[in-house]
Amino acid sequence: MNKFKILSIFTSGLCLYLFCLLFFFPQSLFNDFGIEGSEIAYFLSRRTSALMLGISVLTFLARNITHSKTIQAISLSVCVSMIGLAITGSYELIRGFVSSDILISIFIESVLSISFFYIWFSDRQKKSNI
């Protein structure tokens, strides 16, 4: 099984889990990060869950793609999304808004970002060597 397929399946499952958490149980996520929830926070959480569902569907359906440019586009897009989440999580941790429990999320997001970047970059390198 190729790296892109494995990473896509893992990312799809993770984002599906996050969709369910953000949509159905936002208060538990807020509690985990040491944030007091409110109606506006829960509203934004449910809206954000749609983005997680979209990434889940995209990465699941893309798992068997063999077209190089498509793999590159998806890899770079997910890479940017994950590094964005890692950076914002780090920023909120540094400013003291969230608890250190967010470090697990930051770690997973960073690993996914680096992994998708590696796939994007290595596929790009293969093209330039031909």
C-alpha atoms as a PDB file:
ATOM      1  CA  MET A   1       0.000   0.000   0.000  1.00  0.00           C
ATOM      2  CA  ASN A   2       1.470   3.385  -0.941  1.00  0.00           C
ATOM      3  CA  LYS A   3       2.189   6.200   1.516  1.00  0.00           C
ATOM      4  CA  PHE A   4      -0.479   8.506   0.111  1.00  0.00           C
ATOM      5  CA  LYS A   5      -3.169   5.850   0.512  1.00  0.00           C
ATOM      6  CA  ILE A   6      -2.213   5.071   4.108  1.00  0.00           C
ATOM      7  CA  LEU A   7      -2.008   8.751   5.025  1.00  0.00           C
ATOM      8  CA  SER A   8      -5.309   9.509   3.296  1.00  0.00           C
ATOM      9  CA  ILE A   9      -7.149   6.743   5.134  1.00  0.00           C
ATOM     10  CA  PHE A  10      -5.702   7.819   8.495  1.00  0.00           C
ATOM     11  CA  THR A  11      -6.516  11.494   7.845  1.00  0.00           C
ATOM     12  CA  SER A  12     -10.033  10.613   6.715  1.00  0.00           C
ATOM     13  CA  GLY A  13     -10.696   8.687   9.916  1.00  0.00           C
ATOM     14  CA  LEU A  14      -9.230  11.402  12.106  1.00  0.00           C
ATOM     15  CA  CYS A  15     -11.249  14.146  10.417  1.00  0.00           C
ATOM     16  CA  LEU A  16     -14.432  12.066  10.625  1.00  0.00           C
ATOM     17  CA  TYR A  17     -13.809  11.662  14.361  1.00  0.00           C
ATOM     18  CA  LEU A  18     -13.246  15.422  14.678  1.00  0.00           C
ATOM     19  CA  PHE A  19     -16.449  16.101  12.732  1.00  0.00           C
ATOM     20  CA  CYS A  20     -18.436  13.980  15.187  1.00  0.00           C
ATOM     21  CA  LEU A  21     -16.735  15.582  18.179  1.00  0.00           C
ATOM     22  CA  LEU A  22     -17.162  19.154  16.929  1.00  0.00           C
ATOM     23  CA  PHE A  23     -20.746  18.656  15.781  1.00  0.00           C
ATOM     24  CA  PHE A  24     -22.238  16.465  18.487  1.00  0.00           C
ATOM     25  CA  PHE A  25     -20.007  17.031  21.550  1.00  0.00           C
ATOM     26  CA  PRO A  26     -18.305  20.428  21.255  1.00  0.00           C
ATOM     27  CA  GLN A  27     -18.338  20.967  25.003  1.00  0.00           C
ATOM     28  CA  SER A  28     -16.048  17.951  25.557  1.00  0.00           C
ATOM     29  CA  LEU A  29     -13.430  19.380  23.186  1.00  0.00           C
ATOM     30  CA  PHE A  30     -13.599  22.753  24.915  1.00  0.00           C
ATOM     31  CA  ASN A  31     -13.235  21.059  28.307  1.00  0.00           C
ATOM     32  CA  ASP A  32     -10.206  19.082  27.051  1.00  0.00           C
ATOM     33  CA  PHE A  33      -8.469  22.309  26.044  1.00  0.00           C
ATOM     34  CA  GLY A  34      -9.462  24.126  29.230  1.00  0.00           C
ATOM     35  CA  ILE A  35     -11.783  26.566  27.475  1.00  0.00           C
ATOM     36  CA  GLU A  36     -15.138  27.667  28.803  1.00  0.00           C
ATOM     37  CA  GLY A  37     -17.813  26.965  26.214  1.00  0.00           C
ATOM     38  CA  SER A  38     -20.626  29.286  25.197  1.00  0.00           C
ATOM     39  CA  GLU A  39     -23.444  29.233  22.675  1.00  0.00           C
ATOM     40  CA  ILE A  40     -21.376  31.178  20.107  1.00  0.00           C
ATOM     41  CA  ALA A  41     -18.431  28.799  20.623  1.00  0.00           C
ATOM     42  CA  TYR A  42     -20.672  25.776  20.120  1.00  0.00           C
ATOM     43  CA  PHE A  43     -22.194  27.388  17.032  1.00  0.00           C
ATOM     44  CA  LEU A  44     -18.730  27.988  15.533  1.00  0.00           C
ATOM     45  CA  SER A  45     -17.698  24.461  16.486  1.00  0.00           C
ATOM     46  CA  ARG A  46     -20.638  22.949  14.622  1.00  0.00           C
ATOM     47  CA  ARG A  47     -19.905  25.100  11.562  1.00  0.00           C
ATOM     48  CA  THR A  48     -16.230  24.122  11.663  1.00  0.00           C
ATOM     49  CA  SER A  49     -17.244  20.474  11.822  1.00  0.00           C
ATOM     50  CA  ALA A  50     -18.419  20.753   8.206  1.00  0.00           C
ATOM     51  CA  LEU A  51     -14.839  21.528   7.143  1.00  0.00           C
ATOM     52  CA  MET A  52     -13.585  18.436   8.954  1.00  0.00           C
ATOM     53  CA  LEU A  53     -16.251  16.349   7.225  1.00  0.00           C
ATOM     54  CA  GLY A  54     -15.184  17.785   3.866  1.00  0.00           C
ATOM     55  CA  ILE A  55     -11.517  16.908   4.470  1.00  0.00           C
ATOM     56  CA  SER A  56     -12.584  13.441   5.615  1.00  0.00           C
ATOM     57  CA  VAL A  57     -14.589  12.787   2.442  1.00  0.00           C
ATOM     58  CA  LEU A  58     -11.881  14.263   0.202  1.00  0.00           C
ATOM     59  CA  THR A  59      -9.055  12.206   1.673  1.00  0.00           C
ATOM     60  CA  PHE A  60     -11.117   9.010   1.750  1.00  0.00           C
ATOM     61  CA  LEU A  61     -12.206   9.312  -1.870  1.00  0.00           C
ATOM     62  CA  ALA A  62      -8.669  10.280  -2.945  1.00  0.00           C
ATOM     63  CA  ARG A  63      -7.021   7.243  -1.335  1.00  0.00           C
ATOM     64  CA  ASN A  64      -6.798   5.299  -4.611  1.00  0.00           C
ATOM     65  CA  ILE A  65      -5.859   8.168  -6.914  1.00  0.00           C
ATOM     66  CA  THR A  66      -2.852   7.567  -9.133  1.00  0.00           C
ATOM     67  CA  HIS A  67      -2.821  10.854 -11.031  1.00  0.00           C
ATOM     68  CA  SER A  68       0.258  12.738  -9.871  1.00  0.00           C
ATOM     69  CA  LYS A  69      -1.026  16.321 -10.181  1.00  0.00           C
ATOM     70  CA  THR A  70      -4.156  15.440  -8.232  1.00  0.00           C
ATOM     71  CA  ILE A  71      -2.120  13.816  -5.471  1.00  0.00           C
ATOM     72  CA  GLN A  72       0.101  16.906  -5.349  1.00  0.00           C
ATOM     73  CA  ALA A  73      -2.880  19.274  -5.104  1.00  0.00           C
ATOM     74  CA  ILE A  74      -4.574  17.277  -2.349  1.00  0.00           C
ATOM     75  CA  SER A  75      -1.320  16.768  -0.455  1.00  0.00           C
ATOM     76  CA  LEU A  76      -0.415  20.441  -0.484  1.00  0.00           C
ATOM     77  CA  SER A  77      -3.953  21.487   0.487  1.00  0.00           C
ATOM     78  CA  VAL A  78      -4.121  19.130   3.463  1.00  0.00           C
ATOM     79  CA  CYS A  79      -0.557  20.118   4.415  1.00  0.00           C
ATOM     80  CA  VAL A  80      -1.523  23.802   4.536  1.00  0.00           C
ATOM     81  CA  SER A  81      -4.703  23.069   6.506  1.00  0.00           C
ATOM     82  CA  MET A  82      -2.873  20.976   9.094  1.00  0.00           C
ATOM     83  CA  ILE A  83       0.034  23.374   9.547  1.00  0.00           C
ATOM     84  CA  GLY A  84      -2.501  26.183   9.929  1.00  0.00           C
ATOM     85  CA  LEU A  85      -4.199  24.274  12.733  1.00  0.00           C
ATOM     86  CA  ALA A  86      -0.838  23.511  14.381  1.00  0.00           C
ATOM     87  CA  ILE A  87       0.248  27.154  14.212  1.00  0.00           C
ATOM     88  CA  THR A  88      -3.004  28.528  15.611  1.00  0.00           C
ATOM     89  CA  GLY A  89      -2.981  25.904  18.368  1.00  0.00           C
ATOM     90  CA  SER A  90       0.609  26.836  19.243  1.00  0.00           C
ATOM     91  CA  TYR A  91      -0.255  30.525  19.260  1.00  0.00           C
ATOM     92  CA  GLU A  92      -3.196  29.995  21.616  1.00  0.00           C
ATOM     93  CA  LEU A  93      -1.030  27.832  23.891  1.00  0.00           C
ATOM     94  CA  ILE A  94       1.711  30.475  24.022  1.00  0.00           C
ATOM     95  CA  ARG A  95      -0.757  33.223  24.872  1.00  0.00           C
ATOM     96  CA  GLY A  96      -2.243  31.030  27.598  1.00  0.00           C
ATOM     97  CA  PHE A  97      -5.749  30.700  26.175  1.00  0.00           C
ATOM     98  CA  VAL A  98      -5.702  26.884  26.035  1.00  0.00           C
ATOM     99  CA  SER A  99      -4.214  24.241  28.310  1.00  0.00           C
ATOM    100  CA  SER A 100      -1.194  22.114  27.470  1.00  0.00           C
ATOM    101  CA  ASP A 101      -3.580  19.314  26.477  1.00  0.00           C
ATOM    102  CA  ILE A 102      -3.575  20.899  23.011  1.00  0.00           C
ATOM    103  CA  LEU A 103       0.010  19.673  22.531  1.00  0.00           C
ATOM    104  CA  ILE A 104      -1.289  16.282  21.385  1.00  0.00           C
ATOM    105  CA  SER A 105      -3.347  17.971  18.662  1.00  0.00           C
ATOM    106  CA  ILE A 106      -0.446  20.200  17.659  1.00  0.00           C
ATOM    107  CA  PHE A 107       1.812  17.138  17.394  1.00  0.00           C
ATOM    108  CA  ILE A 108      -0.656  15.162  15.243  1.00  0.00           C
ATOM    109  CA  GLU A 109      -1.354  18.163  12.996  1.00  0.00           C
ATOM    110  CA  SER A 110       2.375  18.790  12.563  1.00  0.00           C
ATOM    111  CA  VAL A 111       3.101  15.156  11.704  1.00  0.00           C
ATOM    112  CA  LEU A 112       0.266  15.113   9.162  1.00  0.00           C
ATOM    113  CA  SER A 113       1.454  18.387   7.645  1.00  0.00           C
ATOM    114  CA  ILE A 114       5.035  17.168   7.324  1.00  0.00           C
ATOM    115  CA  SER A 115       3.860  13.836   5.893  1.00  0.00           C
ATOM    116  CA  PHE A 116       1.643  15.422   3.254  1.00  0.00           C
ATOM    117  CA  PHE A 117       4.413  17.931   2.449  1.00  0.00           C
ATOM    118  CA  TYR A 118       6.834  15.028   1.974  1.00  0.00           C
ATOM    119  CA  ILE A 119       4.432  13.354  -0.461  1.00  0.00           C
ATOM    120  CA  TRP A 120       3.914  16.629  -2.339  1.00  0.00           C
ATOM    121  CA  PHE A 121       7.633  17.391  -2.478  1.00  0.00           C
ATOM    122  CA  SER A 122       8.817  13.888  -3.398  1.00  0.00           C
ATOM    123  CA  ASP A 123       6.210  13.598  -6.144  1.00  0.00           C
ATOM    124  CA  ARG A 124       7.284  16.980  -7.460  1.00  0.00           C
ATOM    125  CA  GLN A 125      10.936  15.886  -7.409  1.00  0.00           C
ATOM    126  CA  LYS A 126      10.084  12.731  -9.391  1.00  0.00           C
ATOM    127  CA  LYS A 127       8.503  14.896 -12.096  1.00  0.00           C
ATOM    128  CA  SER A 128      11.540  17.159 -12.388  1.00  0.00           C
ATOM    129  CA  ASN A 129      13.923  14.178 -12.670  1.00  0.00           C
ATOM    130  CA  ILE A 130      12.135  12.762 -15.687  1.00  0.00           C
END
